[in-house]
Amino acid sequence: MTRFTDFVRRGLLYLLLLQLGVMSLAYNIGACLLHPLLRQPRATRLGRAGIARGYRWYWASARAFGMMEIDAGALDALHLEPGGLIVAANHPTMLDALVLVSRLPRSVCIMKAALMRNVFLGAGARLARYICNDSPRGMVRSAVECLREGGQLVMFPEGTRTVDRPINPLRPGIALIARLAQVPIQTVLIETDTPYLGKGWPIWRPPALPIRIRVRLGERFVAEADDAALLQRLERYFARELRGAPLAAPEALAATEGIV
């Protein structure tokens, strides 16, 4: 019975991944058709809210089937907060952005240029005015503009998924953007008990189920004139708060060695 149950749950996981792909494709086809018909402010609001709602539906499906247990309600406190805000999180898995955006309907993400051209993501990202990272100067300029307009910029200051636990060295862009836009940085701490979709984990390799993710709000940092000093404070804070956190069991992490 245990093996049969495990087989069923893994099958449901693959169905959920298929559901995500179908939802993303359908939304991006709709975004491609709507973009020329809507004026920019309305298109942006619709695009961001639509992405958030779609991901919330996806997480609700995953929870209903017992595949995932996601505790991200702490983010709701940021939903109605006025003014621009940088939401800075650690980055254990590929699921992190989906979890954060689902609870922050005003949020904007910075995306790789290749993803902006992806059929499953590109049109929706452009409708929501997500930011492309193909040009560092252009990225910073767009991020500052977004924040001055009252947007909430989701950033993973490690720049990639966590490899050197508890956190990779932080990249300097976040401190520069905060200083130029004169907005605070709200830290967010993501904890999970599985390395699923961490660095080196193929999307088709199933994890132990259910996947558990917890999101909590951390300390808020004000912008500083000294970017390097702020970056050091952020890095020390994340390292201190995440040290000993159940990001993944040691034996699960060891099982990822050699995966490409």
Protein backbone atom coordinates (compact mmCIF):
# COMPACT_ATOMS: atom_id res chain seq x y z
CA MET A 1 0.00 0.00 0.00
CA THR A 2 2.83 2.38 0.80
CA ARG A 3 4.48 1.82 -2.57
CA PHE A 4 1.14 2.23 -4.35
CA THR A 5 0.42 5.45 -2.46
CA ASP A 6 3.88 6.74 -3.31
CA PHE A 7 3.32 5.90 -6.98
CA VAL A 8 -0.01 7.75 -7.00
CA ARG A 9 1.43 10.81 -5.31
CA ARG A 10 4.32 10.99 -7.73
CA GLY A 11 1.89 10.72 -10.60
CA LEU A 12 -0.11 13.60 -9.15
CA LEU A 13 3.08 15.64 -8.88
CA TYR A 14 3.75 15.20 -12.59
CA LEU A 15 0.14 16.13 -13.32
CA LEU A 16 0.58 19.30 -11.29
CA LEU A 17 3.67 20.19 -13.30
CA LEU A 18 1.67 19.61 -16.48
CA GLN A 19 -1.10 21.80 -15.07
CA LEU A 20 1.41 24.58 -14.42
CA GLY A 21 2.69 24.34 -17.98
CA VAL A 22 -0.81 24.43 -19.49
CA MET A 23 -1.85 27.36 -17.27
CA SER A 24 1.27 29.30 -18.15
CA LEU A 25 0.86 28.70 -21.87
CA ALA A 26 -2.82 29.69 -21.83
CA TYR A 27 -2.14 32.83 -19.81
CA ASN A 28 0.70 33.91 -22.08
CA ILE A 29 -1.42 33.43 -25.20
CA GLY A 30 -4.06 35.65 -23.59
CA ALA A 31 -1.44 38.21 -22.55
CA CYS A 32 -0.09 38.33 -26.10
CA LEU A 33 -3.58 39.11 -27.43
CA LEU A 34 -4.45 41.65 -24.72
CA HIS A 35 -1.23 43.64 -24.65
CA PRO A 36 -1.89 45.70 -27.81
CA LEU A 37 -5.47 46.45 -26.69
CA LEU A 38 -4.80 47.84 -23.19
CA ARG A 39 -3.22 51.07 -22.07
CA GLN A 40 -0.04 50.65 -20.07
CA PRO A 41 -1.21 51.31 -16.48
CA ARG A 42 -4.19 48.97 -16.80
CA ALA A 43 -2.17 46.35 -18.66
CA THR A 44 0.48 46.39 -15.93
CA ARG A 45 -2.04 46.00 -13.10
CA LEU A 46 -3.87 43.23 -14.93
CA GLY A 47 -0.66 41.43 -15.82
CA ARG A 48 0.75 41.42 -12.29
CA ALA A 49 -2.53 40.50 -10.62
CA GLY A 50 -3.19 37.76 -13.18
CA ILE A 51 0.17 36.11 -12.56
CA ALA A 52 -0.37 36.25 -8.78
CA ARG A 53 -3.85 34.77 -9.03
CA GLY A 54 -2.73 31.99 -11.36
CA TYR A 55 0.02 30.88 -9.02
CA ARG A 56 -2.33 30.99 -6.03
CA TRP A 57 -4.70 28.64 -7.88
CA TYR A 58 -1.78 26.36 -8.61
CA TRP A 59 -0.69 26.23 -4.97
CA ALA A 60 -4.30 25.60 -3.92
CA SER A 61 -4.40 22.59 -6.26
CA ALA A 62 -1.10 21.29 -4.91
CA ARG A 63 -2.32 21.66 -1.34
CA ALA A 64 -5.68 20.00 -2.08
CA PHE A 65 -3.91 16.89 -3.41
CA GLY A 66 -1.51 16.77 -0.46
CA MET A 67 1.54 17.44 -2.63
CA MET A 68 2.71 20.63 -0.99
CA GLU A 69 2.33 22.42 2.32
CA ILE A 70 3.09 26.10 1.82
CA ASP A 71 2.90 28.59 4.65
CA ALA A 72 3.31 32.01 3.04
CA GLY A 73 0.55 33.96 4.79
CA ALA A 74 3.11 36.29 6.38
CA LEU A 75 3.50 37.98 2.99
CA ASP A 76 -0.09 39.23 3.11
CA ALA A 77 1.00 41.97 5.50
CA LEU A 78 2.85 43.56 2.57
CA HIS A 79 -0.05 43.43 0.14
CA LEU A 80 -1.69 46.78 0.97
CA GLU A 81 1.45 48.56 2.11
CA PRO A 82 1.79 51.82 0.15
CA GLY A 83 4.92 52.95 -1.67
CA GLY A 84 7.76 51.13 -3.32
CA LEU A 85 9.44 48.23 -1.54
CA ILE A 86 12.20 45.76 -2.31
CA VAL A 87 11.29 42.25 -1.17
CA ALA A 88 14.59 40.40 -0.78
CA ALA A 89 14.61 36.64 -0.19
CA ASN A 90 17.04 33.77 -0.04
CA HIS A 91 16.73 31.34 -2.94
CA PRO A 92 16.76 27.62 -2.04
CA THR A 93 14.63 26.38 -4.99
CA MET A 94 13.07 27.29 -8.34
CA LEU A 95 9.69 27.50 -6.60
CA ASP A 96 10.60 30.60 -4.57
CA ALA A 97 9.54 33.25 -7.09
CA LEU A 98 6.20 31.49 -7.68
CA VAL A 99 5.50 31.41 -3.94
CA LEU A 100 6.34 35.09 -3.39
CA VAL A 101 4.54 36.43 -6.45
CA SER A 102 1.39 34.47 -5.61
CA ARG A 103 0.95 36.55 -2.41
CA LEU A 104 2.15 39.89 -3.80
CA PRO A 105 -0.10 41.01 -6.68
CA ARG A 106 1.83 44.30 -7.13
CA SER A 107 5.15 42.55 -7.39
CA VAL A 108 7.69 42.70 -10.22
CA CYS A 109 10.46 40.20 -10.88
CA ILE A 110 13.83 40.52 -12.59
CA MET A 111 14.11 37.83 -15.25
CA LYS A 112 16.82 36.41 -17.48
CA ALA A 113 16.63 37.53 -21.10
CA ALA A 114 16.07 33.92 -22.25
CA LEU A 115 13.00 33.61 -20.02
CA MET A 116 11.54 36.84 -21.41
CA ARG A 117 11.51 35.09 -24.79
CA ASN A 118 10.10 31.83 -23.42
CA VAL A 119 6.70 30.87 -24.82
CA PHE A 120 5.47 29.87 -21.34
CA LEU A 121 6.58 33.11 -19.63
CA GLY A 122 7.52 35.90 -22.00
CA ALA A 123 4.22 37.51 -23.02
CA GLY A 124 2.84 37.53 -19.48
CA ALA A 125 6.09 38.95 -18.14
CA ARG A 126 6.03 41.76 -20.70
CA LEU A 127 2.39 42.55 -19.92
CA ALA A 128 3.30 42.83 -16.22
CA ARG A 129 6.38 44.91 -17.08
CA TYR A 130 8.78 42.47 -15.50
CA ILE A 131 12.40 43.55 -15.79
CA CYS A 132 14.93 41.95 -18.13
CA ASN A 133 18.50 41.55 -16.85
CA ASP A 134 20.20 41.63 -20.28
CA SER A 135 21.68 45.08 -19.57
CA PRO A 136 22.86 45.87 -16.02
CA ARG A 137 22.30 49.61 -16.44
CA GLY A 138 18.93 49.09 -18.05
CA MET A 139 17.93 46.66 -15.31
CA VAL A 140 18.84 49.13 -12.55
CA ARG A 141 17.07 51.98 -14.33
CA SER A 142 13.88 49.92 -14.83
CA ALA A 143 13.96 48.68 -11.23
CA VAL A 144 14.28 52.20 -9.84
CA GLU A 145 11.43 53.41 -12.07
CA CYS A 146 9.22 50.54 -10.92
CA LEU A 147 9.89 51.32 -7.26
CA ARG A 148 9.26 55.03 -7.68
CA GLU A 149 5.89 54.14 -9.20
CA GLY A 150 5.01 52.21 -6.04
CA GLY A 151 5.81 48.70 -7.22
CA GLN A 152 7.15 45.88 -5.07
CA LEU A 153 10.35 44.49 -6.53
CA VAL A 154 11.04 40.83 -5.72
CA MET A 155 14.79 40.19 -5.65
CA PHE A 156 16.99 37.21 -4.85
CA PRO A 157 20.24 39.00 -3.97
CA GLU A 158 22.27 35.78 -4.21
CA GLY A 159 21.72 35.99 -7.96
CA THR A 160 21.17 32.23 -8.24
CA ARG A 161 19.84 29.38 -6.13
CA THR A 162 21.64 28.72 -2.86
CA VAL A 163 24.69 26.47 -3.10
CA ASP A 164 26.89 27.64 -0.22
CA ARG A 165 24.53 27.27 2.70
CA PRO A 166 23.15 29.02 4.55
CA ILE A 167 23.42 31.66 1.78
CA ASN A 168 25.60 32.50 -1.20
CA PRO A 169 27.56 35.78 -1.25
CA LEU A 170 25.14 38.59 -2.14
CA ARG A 171 25.47 40.61 -5.31
CA PRO A 172 25.67 44.40 -5.04
CA GLY A 173 22.73 45.39 -7.26
CA ILE A 174 20.16 45.34 -4.47
CA ALA A 175 21.96 47.96 -2.38
CA LEU A 176 22.46 50.21 -5.42
CA ILE A 177 18.79 50.00 -6.42
CA ALA A 178 17.61 50.70 -2.86
CA ARG A 179 19.83 53.78 -2.64
CA LEU A 180 18.82 55.20 -6.02
CA ALA A 181 15.10 54.61 -5.44
CA GLN A 182 15.29 55.50 -1.72
CA VAL A 183 13.10 52.58 -0.67
CA PRO A 184 13.54 50.07 2.16
CA ILE A 185 14.50 46.42 1.78
CA GLN A 186 12.12 43.94 3.41
CA THR A 187 13.91 40.64 3.96
CA VAL A 188 12.00 37.40 3.53
CA LEU A 189 13.25 34.05 4.80
CA ILE A 190 12.30 30.92 2.87
CA GLU A 191 12.70 27.55 4.57
CA THR A 192 12.03 24.15 3.07
CA ASP A 193 12.67 20.57 4.16
CA THR A 194 13.53 19.34 0.66
CA PRO A 195 16.19 20.18 -1.94
CA TYR A 196 13.58 19.72 -4.70
CA LEU A 197 14.37 22.07 -7.62
CA GLY A 198 17.41 23.41 -5.83
CA LYS A 199 20.60 23.92 -7.81
CA GLY A 200 21.29 20.77 -9.81
CA TRP A 201 17.92 19.08 -9.16
CA PRO A 202 16.17 18.09 -12.44
CA ILE A 203 12.50 19.04 -12.63
CA TRP A 204 11.52 15.46 -13.53
CA ARG A 205 13.14 13.89 -10.47
CA PRO A 206 10.46 13.51 -7.77
CA PRO A 207 11.20 14.45 -4.15
CA ALA A 208 9.86 13.05 -0.92
CA LEU A 209 6.29 14.27 -0.54
CA PRO A 210 4.70 16.46 0.62
CA ILE A 211 7.01 19.39 -0.17
CA ARG A 212 6.99 21.81 2.76
CA ILE A 213 7.85 25.49 2.36
CA ARG A 214 7.58 28.17 5.03
CA VAL A 215 7.98 31.90 4.39
CA ARG A 216 8.48 34.42 7.15
CA LEU A 217 9.14 38.13 7.21
CA GLY A 218 12.54 39.23 8.44
CA GLU A 219 14.09 42.54 9.38
CA ARG A 220 13.59 45.65 7.26
CA PHE A 221 16.67 47.62 6.18
CA VAL A 222 16.75 51.25 5.11
CA ALA A 223 18.76 52.41 2.12
CA GLU A 224 22.27 53.66 2.92
CA ALA A 225 24.80 55.88 1.17
CA ASP A 226 27.39 53.12 1.57
CA ASP A 227 26.25 50.25 -0.67
CA ALA A 228 28.99 47.87 0.49
CA ALA A 229 28.13 48.36 4.16
CA LEU A 230 24.43 47.67 3.52
CA LEU A 231 25.27 44.57 1.51
CA GLN A 232 27.44 43.23 4.34
CA ARG A 233 24.66 43.85 6.85
CA LEU A 234 22.17 42.02 4.68
CA GLU A 235 24.47 39.06 4.15
CA ARG A 236 25.27 38.75 7.85
CA TYR A 237 21.58 38.95 8.70
CA PHE A 238 20.53 36.24 6.24
CA ALA A 239 23.37 33.98 7.34
CA ARG A 240 22.46 34.39 11.00
CA GLU A 241 18.73 33.83 10.52
CA LEU A 242 19.10 30.85 8.17
CA ARG A 243 21.88 29.06 10.03
CA GLY A 244 20.31 25.91 11.41
CA ALA A 245 17.05 26.46 9.50
CA PRO A 246 15.56 23.26 7.99
CA LEU A 247 16.40 24.13 4.38
CA ALA A 248 16.80 20.43 3.73
CA ALA A 249 17.76 17.36 5.66
CA PRO A 250 21.51 16.55 5.34
CA GLU A 251 20.82 13.16 3.78
CA ALA A 252 18.57 14.79 1.16
CA LEU A 253 21.26 17.29 0.29
CA ALA A 254 23.83 14.51 -0.04
CA ALA A 255 21.54 12.72 -2.47
CA THR A 256 21.83 15.63 -4.92
CA GLU A 257 25.59 15.22 -5.37
CA GLY A 258 26.50 14.30 -8.92
CA ILE A 259 23.17 15.38 -10.39
CA VAL A 260 23.50 17.46 -13.54
